[in-house]
């Protein structure tokens, strides 16, 4: 897998009730990554997302849809998509949200960066000049707290713990054991990546908040409840895997930055 030829790539889009944005996001993804296949995991949507996806898949042989009868969670949607990518022999997976808060035009540099990294993660705070919308205060505070804790326990010099725009080498996903079905899945990713010594790189992405009042499902609208949940997921993962050795994350971060 080289910068010019990242191999077979799959664009993985978790979705829950995105009838107003799904068609536009798919159009932009096709334009940005015309050679890649697309997998949408419809996580129990109750709006018109399902019929829209059926129509899109009927006219696009590169698009596949997995449908959960019930809402199983953001993490489970990704886990099921990752399993499909591994089973079908892809070389790389890009995850992008379906709420139009990511720019599909950035997919090519994410794939290209896998030439020297195992995971490439978007950051809304890496480049102050990239600007963008003002983050909701509770989300910004929780992101800063979580990012600081992850820097401490992994050695990765992260600036954004929660951006859903990522690219993964499939070899990295094969080595991980991801089980968290909710929004806390990225915490498992970071801890396991550091424990495995995976090379991680961040790329700047714009801050886009089209709907700052957007709900967190599963009773996590309350910021304190989200904090407790995230803390529990992180500490549980550290207890399960053991904390990374002090130099593992730092060495992997340096390797991806060369």
Protein backbone atom coordinates (compact mmCIF):
# COMPACT_ATOMS: atom_id res chain seq x y z
CA UNK A 1 0.00 0.00 0.00
CA UNK A 2 1.70 3.17 -1.20
CA UNK A 3 0.76 6.85 -1.10
CA UNK A 4 -0.32 6.74 -4.73
CA UNK A 5 -2.02 3.34 -4.50
CA UNK A 6 -3.58 2.70 -1.08
CA UNK A 7 -5.04 -0.61 -2.27
CA UNK A 8 -8.69 -1.58 -2.04
CA UNK A 9 -10.43 1.00 0.08
CA UNK A 10 -13.81 0.92 1.78
CA UNK A 11 -15.61 4.06 2.93
CA UNK A 12 -17.57 3.11 6.06
CA UNK A 13 -20.49 5.34 7.06
CA UNK A 14 -22.42 4.65 10.29
CA UNK A 15 -25.92 6.11 10.09
CA UNK A 16 -28.87 6.72 12.39
CA UNK A 17 -31.78 8.91 11.25
CA UNK A 18 -29.97 11.00 8.64
CA UNK A 19 -32.67 11.30 5.97
CA UNK A 20 -31.83 14.95 5.27
CA UNK A 21 -28.11 14.44 4.64
CA UNK A 22 -27.50 10.86 3.49
CA UNK A 23 -28.02 11.36 -0.26
CA UNK A 24 -25.78 14.43 -0.35
CA UNK A 25 -23.04 12.76 1.68
CA UNK A 26 -23.06 9.73 -0.61
CA UNK A 27 -22.80 11.98 -3.68
CA UNK A 28 -19.77 13.74 -2.22
CA UNK A 29 -18.11 10.48 -1.17
CA UNK A 30 -18.50 9.06 -4.68
CA UNK A 31 -16.96 12.20 -6.13
CA UNK A 32 -14.03 12.20 -3.71
CA UNK A 33 -13.24 8.47 -3.87
CA UNK A 34 -14.49 7.13 -7.21
CA UNK A 35 -12.48 3.90 -6.95
CA UNK A 36 -13.55 3.04 -3.40
CA UNK A 37 -16.49 0.91 -2.32
CA UNK A 38 -18.99 2.29 0.19
CA UNK A 39 -20.62 0.54 3.13
CA UNK A 40 -23.39 2.21 5.12
CA UNK A 41 -24.41 0.64 8.42
CA UNK A 42 -27.98 1.75 9.05
CA UNK A 43 -28.22 1.45 12.82
CA UNK A 44 -31.95 1.04 13.30
CA UNK A 45 -33.09 4.30 11.69
CA UNK A 46 -36.75 5.16 12.20
CA UNK A 47 -36.95 7.95 9.59
CA UNK A 48 -36.71 7.65 5.79
CA UNK A 49 -33.00 6.80 5.79
CA UNK A 50 -33.75 3.14 4.98
CA UNK A 51 -35.78 3.73 1.80
CA UNK A 52 -33.30 6.37 0.64
CA UNK A 53 -30.44 3.90 1.06
CA UNK A 54 -32.37 1.21 -0.81
CA UNK A 55 -32.80 3.57 -3.77
CA UNK A 56 -29.14 4.61 -3.66
CA UNK A 57 -27.92 1.01 -3.54
CA UNK A 58 -30.19 -0.01 -6.43
CA UNK A 59 -28.36 2.38 -8.75
CA UNK A 60 -24.85 2.08 -7.35
CA UNK A 61 -23.17 -1.37 -7.39
CA UNK A 62 -20.32 -0.02 -5.21
CA UNK A 63 -22.71 0.72 -2.33
CA UNK A 64 -23.68 -1.93 0.20
CA UNK A 65 -25.96 -1.49 3.21
CA UNK A 66 -26.04 -3.36 6.50
CA UNK A 67 -29.24 -2.75 8.45
CA UNK A 68 -29.63 -3.22 12.18
CA UNK A 69 -33.31 -3.81 13.02
CA UNK A 70 -32.79 -1.85 16.24
CA UNK A 71 -30.38 0.89 17.29
CA UNK A 72 -27.32 -0.95 18.64
CA UNK A 73 -25.02 2.06 19.00
CA UNK A 74 -22.38 4.03 17.11
CA UNK A 75 -19.61 1.70 18.21
CA UNK A 76 -21.46 -1.42 17.13
CA UNK A 77 -22.12 0.09 13.70
CA UNK A 78 -18.36 0.60 13.27
CA UNK A 79 -17.50 -2.82 14.67
CA UNK A 80 -19.83 -4.52 12.18
CA UNK A 81 -18.44 -2.41 9.34
CA UNK A 82 -14.86 -3.25 10.30
CA UNK A 83 -15.70 -6.96 10.37
CA UNK A 84 -17.16 -6.69 6.87
CA UNK A 85 -14.04 -4.90 5.61
CA UNK A 86 -11.77 -7.58 7.06
CA UNK A 87 -13.91 -10.43 5.70
CA UNK A 88 -13.98 -8.94 2.20
CA UNK A 89 -10.23 -8.37 2.01
CA UNK A 90 -10.00 -4.58 1.82
CA UNK A 91 -6.65 -2.91 2.47
CA UNK A 92 -7.94 0.29 4.05
CA UNK A 93 -11.08 1.65 5.70
CA UNK A 94 -12.11 5.28 6.00
CA UNK A 95 -14.84 6.15 8.51
CA UNK A 96 -16.88 9.27 7.92
CA UNK A 97 -20.06 10.43 9.60
CA UNK A 98 -23.30 10.95 7.70
CA UNK A 99 -24.41 14.23 9.28
CA UNK A 100 -22.49 16.47 6.81
CA UNK A 101 -20.04 17.54 9.50
CA UNK A 102 -17.09 15.96 7.67
CA UNK A 103 -15.82 16.91 4.22
CA UNK A 104 -15.58 13.86 1.95
CA UNK A 105 -13.18 15.78 -0.29
CA UNK A 106 -10.51 15.06 2.33
CA UNK A 107 -10.73 11.28 1.89
CA UNK A 108 -7.79 11.08 -0.57
CA UNK A 109 -5.19 12.63 1.80
CA UNK A 110 -6.40 10.36 4.60
CA UNK A 111 -5.79 7.32 2.40
CA UNK A 112 -2.45 8.64 1.20
CA UNK A 113 -1.27 9.17 4.78
CA UNK A 114 -1.67 5.44 5.43
CA UNK A 115 1.62 5.05 3.54
CA UNK A 116 3.37 5.86 6.83
CA UNK A 117 0.68 5.37 9.49
CA UNK A 118 -1.62 2.62 10.70
CA UNK A 119 -4.38 5.01 11.82
CA UNK A 120 -4.97 8.52 10.49
CA UNK A 121 -7.35 10.59 12.58
CA UNK A 122 -8.95 13.92 11.85
CA UNK A 123 -8.41 16.75 14.30
CA UNK A 124 -10.49 19.89 14.57
CA UNK A 125 -7.88 21.45 16.85
CA UNK A 126 -4.54 20.54 15.26
CA UNK A 127 -4.30 23.65 13.09
CA UNK A 128 -5.68 26.83 14.68
CA UNK A 129 -5.74 28.45 11.25
CA UNK A 130 -8.28 25.93 9.97
CA UNK A 131 -11.00 27.79 11.88
CA UNK A 132 -14.57 26.62 11.70
CA UNK A 133 -17.65 26.73 13.89
CA UNK A 134 -17.48 27.27 17.63
CA UNK A 135 -17.77 23.95 19.42
CA UNK A 136 -20.58 23.57 21.97
CA UNK A 137 -19.04 24.31 25.37
CA UNK A 138 -19.74 20.92 26.94
CA UNK A 139 -18.35 19.01 23.97
CA UNK A 140 -15.21 21.13 23.88
CA UNK A 141 -14.61 20.69 27.61
CA UNK A 142 -15.11 16.91 27.49
CA UNK A 143 -12.91 16.63 24.40
CA UNK A 144 -10.09 18.52 26.12
CA UNK A 145 -10.38 16.43 29.28
CA UNK A 146 -10.45 13.14 27.39
CA UNK A 147 -7.63 14.13 25.05
CA UNK A 148 -5.41 15.12 27.98
CA UNK A 149 -6.04 11.78 29.68
CA UNK A 150 -5.31 9.86 26.48
CA UNK A 151 -2.06 11.75 25.94
CA UNK A 152 -1.07 10.77 29.47
CA UNK A 153 -1.86 7.06 29.19
CA UNK A 154 -0.94 6.39 25.54
CA UNK A 155 1.93 8.74 24.75
CA UNK A 156 0.19 9.82 21.54
CA UNK A 157 0.31 13.60 21.11
CA UNK A 158 -3.37 13.76 20.26
CA UNK A 159 -5.26 17.02 19.91
CA UNK A 160 -8.76 15.61 19.24
CA UNK A 161 -9.97 12.46 20.96
CA UNK A 162 -13.35 12.23 19.28
CA UNK A 163 -13.21 13.02 15.56
CA UNK A 164 -15.03 10.28 13.64
CA UNK A 165 -13.16 10.97 10.39
CA UNK A 166 -10.43 8.31 10.37
CA UNK A 167 -8.51 5.97 8.07
CA UNK A 168 -7.25 2.56 9.16
CA UNK A 169 -4.94 -0.01 7.64
CA UNK A 170 -6.83 -3.27 7.66
CA UNK A 171 -3.85 -4.98 9.31
CA UNK A 172 -4.35 -2.67 12.30
CA UNK A 173 -8.04 -3.53 12.59
CA UNK A 174 -7.25 -7.25 12.48
CA UNK A 175 -5.07 -6.86 15.55
CA UNK A 176 -7.67 -5.02 17.59
CA UNK A 177 -10.42 -6.50 19.73
CA UNK A 178 -13.13 -3.82 19.74
CA UNK A 179 -16.25 -4.50 21.78
CA UNK A 180 -17.71 -1.17 22.99
CA UNK A 181 -21.09 -0.66 21.26
CA UNK A 182 -21.59 2.99 22.24
CA UNK A 183 -19.96 6.35 21.63
CA UNK A 184 -16.97 5.32 23.76
CA UNK A 185 -15.53 3.01 21.08
CA UNK A 186 -12.73 5.49 20.12
CA UNK A 187 -11.33 5.14 23.63
CA UNK A 188 -10.80 1.43 23.01
CA UNK A 189 -9.17 2.27 19.68
CA UNK A 190 -6.64 4.65 21.25
CA UNK A 191 -5.69 2.38 24.14
CA UNK A 192 -5.34 -0.71 21.97
CA UNK A 193 -3.43 1.18 19.28
CA UNK A 194 -0.86 2.35 21.82
CA UNK A 195 -0.63 -1.10 23.41
CA UNK A 196 0.07 -2.56 19.95
CA UNK A 197 2.54 0.18 19.05
CA UNK A 198 0.50 1.30 16.04
CA UNK A 199 1.63 4.41 14.16
CA UNK A 200 -0.91 7.21 14.53
CA UNK A 201 -1.10 10.52 12.67
CA UNK A 202 -3.58 13.40 12.87
CA UNK A 203 -4.68 15.50 9.91
CA UNK A 204 -6.43 18.86 10.34
CA UNK A 205 -10.12 18.98 9.45
CA UNK A 206 -12.54 21.91 9.69
CA UNK A 207 -14.81 22.28 12.71
CA UNK A 208 -18.34 21.92 11.36
CA UNK A 209 -21.32 21.95 13.70
CA UNK A 210 -24.42 22.10 11.50
CA UNK A 211 -26.59 21.07 14.44
CA UNK A 212 -24.99 22.01 17.77
CA UNK A 213 -28.14 20.84 19.57
CA UNK A 214 -27.78 17.34 18.16
CA UNK A 215 -28.74 14.65 20.67
CA UNK A 216 -26.55 11.97 22.15
CA UNK A 217 -28.59 8.79 22.24
CA UNK A 218 -28.62 6.33 25.11
CA UNK A 219 -29.22 8.89 27.86
CA UNK A 220 -25.96 10.74 27.27
CA UNK A 221 -27.34 14.21 26.57
CA UNK A 222 -26.32 15.17 30.09
CA UNK A 223 -22.64 16.18 30.04
CA UNK A 224 -21.90 14.69 33.45
CA UNK A 225 -23.39 11.36 32.40
CA UNK A 226 -21.20 11.41 29.27
CA UNK A 227 -18.12 12.11 31.38
CA UNK A 228 -18.89 9.20 33.67
CA UNK A 229 -19.54 6.87 30.76
CA UNK A 230 -16.34 7.84 28.94
CA UNK A 231 -14.29 7.52 32.13
CA UNK A 232 -15.74 4.08 32.79
CA UNK A 233 -14.99 2.87 29.25
CA UNK A 234 -11.42 4.18 29.37
CA UNK A 235 -10.55 2.82 32.79
CA UNK A 236 -12.18 -0.52 31.99
CA UNK A 237 -10.10 -0.81 28.82
CA UNK A 238 -6.90 0.11 30.65
CA UNK A 239 -7.68 -2.53 33.28
CA UNK A 240 -8.44 -5.15 30.62
CA UNK A 241 -5.39 -4.63 28.40
CA UNK A 242 -2.97 -3.16 30.89
CA UNK A 243 -1.69 0.38 30.35
CA UNK A 244 0.65 0.88 27.39
CA UNK A 245 4.33 0.96 28.23
CA UNK A 246 5.55 4.57 28.60
CA UNK A 247 7.41 4.74 25.28
CA UNK A 248 5.08 2.73 23.05
CA UNK A 249 2.75 5.51 21.96
CA UNK A 250 5.47 8.16 21.72
CA UNK A 251 7.66 5.95 19.53
CA UNK A 252 4.73 5.08 17.26
CA UNK A 253 3.74 8.74 17.01
CA UNK A 254 7.28 9.72 15.96
CA UNK A 255 7.39 6.91 13.40
CA UNK A 256 4.23 8.16 11.69
CA UNK A 257 5.54 11.74 11.59
CA UNK A 258 8.73 11.02 9.67
